[in-house]
C-alpha atoms as a PDB file:
ATOM      1  CA  MET A   1     111.533  25.777 101.871  1.00  0.00           C
ATOM      2  CA  THR A   2     109.731  24.736 104.856  1.00  0.00           C
ATOM      3  CA  LEU A   3     108.464  27.134 107.586  1.00  0.00           C
ATOM      4  CA  SER A   4     110.728  25.341 110.184  1.00  0.00           C
ATOM      5  CA  ALA A   5     113.987  26.115 107.985  1.00  0.00           C
ATOM      6  CA  ARG A   6     113.098  30.080 107.978  1.00  0.00           C
ATOM      7  CA  PRO A   7     113.870  30.693 111.770  1.00  0.00           C
ATOM      8  CA  ALA A   8     117.083  28.450 111.606  1.00  0.00           C
ATOM      9  CA  ARG A   9     118.393  30.594 108.604  1.00  0.00           C
ATOM     10  CA  ALA A  10     117.155  33.897 109.996  1.00  0.00           C
ATOM     11  CA  GLY A  11     119.021  33.009 113.199  1.00  0.00           C
ATOM     12  CA  LEU A  12     122.209  32.156 111.241  1.00  0.00           C
ATOM     13  CA  ALA A  13     122.052  35.259 109.057  1.00  0.00           C
ATOM     14  CA  LEU A  14     121.457  37.274 112.438  1.00  0.00           C
ATOM     15  CA  GLY A  15     124.597  35.728 114.405  1.00  0.00           C
ATOM     16  CA  ALA A  16     126.806  36.118 111.216  1.00  0.00           C
ATOM     17  CA  GLY A  17     125.482  39.798 110.861  1.00  0.00           C
ATOM     18  CA  LEU A  18     126.317  40.222 114.877  1.00  0.00           C
ATOM     19  CA  LEU A  19     129.762  38.718 114.471  1.00  0.00           C
ATOM     20  CA  LEU A  20     130.668  40.899 111.428  1.00  0.00           C
ATOM     21  CA  GLY A  21     129.340  43.821 113.336  1.00  0.00           C
ATOM     22  CA  ALA A  22     131.623  43.034 116.418  1.00  0.00           C
ATOM     23  CA  CYS A  23     134.768  42.511 114.035  1.00  0.00           C
ATOM     24  CA  ASN A  24     134.118  46.415 112.585  1.00  0.00           C
ATOM     25  CA  MET A  25     133.500  47.955 115.974  1.00  0.00           C
ATOM     26  CA  ALA A  26     136.761  46.414 117.131  1.00  0.00           C
ATOM     27  CA  GLY A  27     138.637  48.300 114.097  1.00  0.00           C
ATOM     28  CA  LEU A  28     141.356  47.006 111.893  1.00  0.00           C
ATOM     29  CA  PRO A  29     144.724  45.336 113.403  1.00  0.00           C
ATOM     30  CA  PRO A  30     147.465  47.887 113.657  1.00  0.00           C
ATOM     31  CA  ILE A  31     149.254  46.301 110.840  1.00  0.00           C
ATOM     32  CA  LEU A  32     146.306  46.757 108.583  1.00  0.00           C
ATOM     33  CA  ASP A  33     144.959  50.282 109.760  1.00  0.00           C
ATOM     34  CA  PRO A  34     146.222  52.906 107.011  1.00  0.00           C
ATOM     35  CA  THR A  35     145.867  55.804 109.728  1.00  0.00           C
ATOM     36  CA  PRO A  36     149.496  57.296 110.563  1.00  0.00           C
ATOM     37  CA  THR A  37     150.231  56.944 114.280  1.00  0.00           C
ATOM     38  CA  ALA A  38     151.588  59.899 116.031  1.00  0.00           C
ATOM     39  CA  PRO A  39     154.840  59.439 117.993  1.00  0.00           C
ATOM     40  CA  PRO A  40     154.251  58.317 121.421  1.00  0.00           C
ATOM     41  CA  THR A  41     155.629  61.374 123.188  1.00  0.00           C
ATOM     42  CA  ALA A  42     153.627  61.396 126.407  1.00  0.00           C
ATOM     43  CA  GLY A  43     155.762  60.700 129.188  1.00  0.00           C
ATOM     44  CA  MET A  44     159.052  60.622 127.027  1.00  0.00           C
ATOM     45  CA  SER A  45     162.265  62.471 128.245  1.00  0.00           C
ATOM     46  CA  SER A  46     162.984  65.490 126.204  1.00  0.00           C
ATOM     47  CA  ASP A  47     166.045  63.687 124.567  1.00  0.00           C
ATOM     48  CA  ALA A  48     163.699  61.022 123.771  1.00  0.00           C
ATOM     49  CA  GLN A  49     161.493  63.654 122.172  1.00  0.00           C
ATOM     50  CA  ARG A  50     164.306  64.938 120.382  1.00  0.00           C
ATOM     51  CA  ALA A  51     165.529  61.763 118.993  1.00  0.00           C
ATOM     52  CA  THR A  52     162.041  60.684 117.684  1.00  0.00           C
ATOM     53  CA  ALA A  53     161.636  64.027 115.921  1.00  0.00           C
ATOM     54  CA  ALA A  54     165.092  63.800 114.374  1.00  0.00           C
ATOM     55  CA  CYS A  55     164.268  60.057 113.050  1.00  0.00           C
ATOM     56  CA  LEU A  56     161.140  60.943 111.673  1.00  0.00           C
ATOM     57  CA  ASP A  57     162.642  64.098 109.929  1.00  0.00           C
ATOM     58  CA  ARG A  58     165.567  61.806 108.533  1.00  0.00           C
ATOM     59  CA  ALA A  59     163.339  58.882 107.392  1.00  0.00           C
ATOM     60  CA  GLU A  60     161.080  61.501 105.451  1.00  0.00           C
ATOM     61  CA  ALA A  61     164.231  63.517 104.021  1.00  0.00           C
ATOM     62  CA  GLN A  62     165.245  60.090 102.412  1.00  0.00           C
ATOM     63  CA  GLY A  63     161.878  59.834 100.999  1.00  0.00           C
ATOM     64  CA  LEU A  64     160.514  57.061 103.217  1.00  0.00           C
ATOM     65  CA  GLN A  65     156.718  57.097 103.891  1.00  0.00           C
ATOM     66  CA  VAL A  66     156.377  57.144 107.907  1.00  0.00           C
ATOM     67  CA  THR A  67     153.592  55.651 109.568  1.00  0.00           C
ATOM     68  CA  GLY A  68     154.411  55.560 112.858  1.00  0.00           C
ATOM     69  CA  VAL A  69     156.880  54.866 115.708  1.00  0.00           C
ATOM     70  CA  SER A  70     156.768  51.465 117.124  1.00  0.00           C
ATOM     71  CA  ASN A  71     159.583  51.657 119.954  1.00  0.00           C
ATOM     72  CA  ALA A  72     162.308  53.908 121.552  1.00  0.00           C
ATOM     73  CA  SER A  73     164.962  52.652 123.834  1.00  0.00           C
ATOM     74  CA  GLU A  74     167.969  54.559 124.996  1.00  0.00           C
ATOM     75  CA  VAL A  75     171.533  53.156 124.048  1.00  0.00           C
ATOM     76  CA  MET A  76     174.150  53.325 126.874  1.00  0.00           C
ATOM     77  CA  GLY A  77     177.705  54.039 126.634  1.00  0.00           C
ATOM     78  CA  PHE A  78     180.750  53.507 128.704  1.00  0.00           C
ATOM     79  CA  GLY A  79     179.814  53.523 132.527  1.00  0.00           C
ATOM     80  CA  GLY A  80     176.082  53.335 131.822  1.00  0.00           C
ATOM     81  CA  ARG A  81     175.963  56.706 130.531  1.00  0.00           C
ATOM     82  CA  PRO A  82     173.130  57.388 127.803  1.00  0.00           C
ATOM     83  CA  VAL A  83     174.775  58.343 124.750  1.00  0.00           C
ATOM     84  CA  GLY A  84     171.618  58.118 122.328  1.00  0.00           C
ATOM     85  CA  GLN A  85     168.505  56.282 121.231  1.00  0.00           C
ATOM     86  CA  ASN A  86     167.318  53.863 119.216  1.00  0.00           C
ATOM     87  CA  VAL A  87     164.159  54.541 117.245  1.00  0.00           C
ATOM     88  CA  PHE A  88     162.152  52.025 115.702  1.00  0.00           C
ATOM     89  CA  VAL A  89     160.203  53.671 112.888  1.00  0.00           C
ATOM     90  CA  ASN A  90     157.169  52.187 110.921  1.00  0.00           C
ATOM     91  CA  ILE A  91     157.336  52.927 107.166  1.00  0.00           C
ATOM     92  CA  GLY A  92     155.212  51.951 104.249  1.00  0.00           C
ATOM     93  CA  ARG A  93     157.167  50.082 101.341  1.00  0.00           C
ATOM     94  CA  GLY A  94     155.795  48.172  98.566  1.00  0.00           C
ATOM     95  CA  GLY A  95     152.356  48.171 100.066  1.00  0.00           C
ATOM     96  CA  GLN A  96     153.442  46.798 103.176  1.00  0.00           C
ATOM     97  CA  ASN A  97     154.652  48.247 106.534  1.00  0.00           C
ATOM     98  CA  VAL A  98     158.171  47.637 107.680  1.00  0.00           C
ATOM     99  CA  THR A  99     160.281  48.652 110.669  1.00  0.00           C
ATOM    100  CA  VAL A 100     163.429  50.341 110.066  1.00  0.00           C
ATOM    101  CA  ARG A 101     165.844  51.078 112.990  1.00  0.00           C
ATOM    102  CA  CYS A 102     167.169  54.884 113.503  1.00  0.00           C
ATOM    103  CA  SER A 103     170.187  55.601 115.720  1.00  0.00           C
ATOM    104  CA  TYR A 104     170.280  58.920 117.137  1.00  0.00           C
ATOM    105  CA  THR A 105     173.446  60.233 118.930  1.00  0.00           C
ATOM    106  CA  TYR A 106     172.962  62.912 121.725  1.00  0.00           C
ATOM    107  CA  ASP A 107     176.569  64.035 121.289  1.00  0.00           C
ATOM    108  CA  THR A 108     176.059  64.984 117.663  1.00  0.00           C
ATOM    109  CA  ALA A 109     172.225  65.393 117.527  1.00  0.00           C
ATOM    110  CA  GLU A 110     172.535  63.055 114.369  1.00  0.00           C
ATOM    111  CA  ALA A 111     169.824  60.610 113.170  1.00  0.00           C
ATOM    112  CA  ARG A 112     170.763  57.646 110.823  1.00  0.00           C
ATOM    113  CA  ILE A 113     168.504  55.212 109.353  1.00  0.00           C
ATOM    114  CA  MET A 114     170.465  51.792 109.951  1.00  0.00           C
ATOM    115  CA  THR A 115     168.276  49.205 108.359  1.00  0.00           C
ATOM    116  CA  LEU A 116     166.228  49.078 105.062  1.00  0.00           C
END
């Protein structure tokens, strides 16, 4: 190895190390991060909080490995009256994360997992 090749290799190694270090500082993408996420309850209505909690309980009661909640949206009935929530629950299944829809009805306080 010549003397001029050493600085080039050292610079390449330093650049690669900085790039890998920056990737590590950014953390894992959410789909790869094994850390369970808490339900996003800040700013949610009490109905939405109840729906989210009921859906998480239902999923766990069915033996699903809950890893978080990705979204929740209100379901409107006749005349634009809110009748429930669709809560999208992230679960671990077969080494992968999948999202299932849970339907929560305000009148009956019933949560049902709709898709698996």
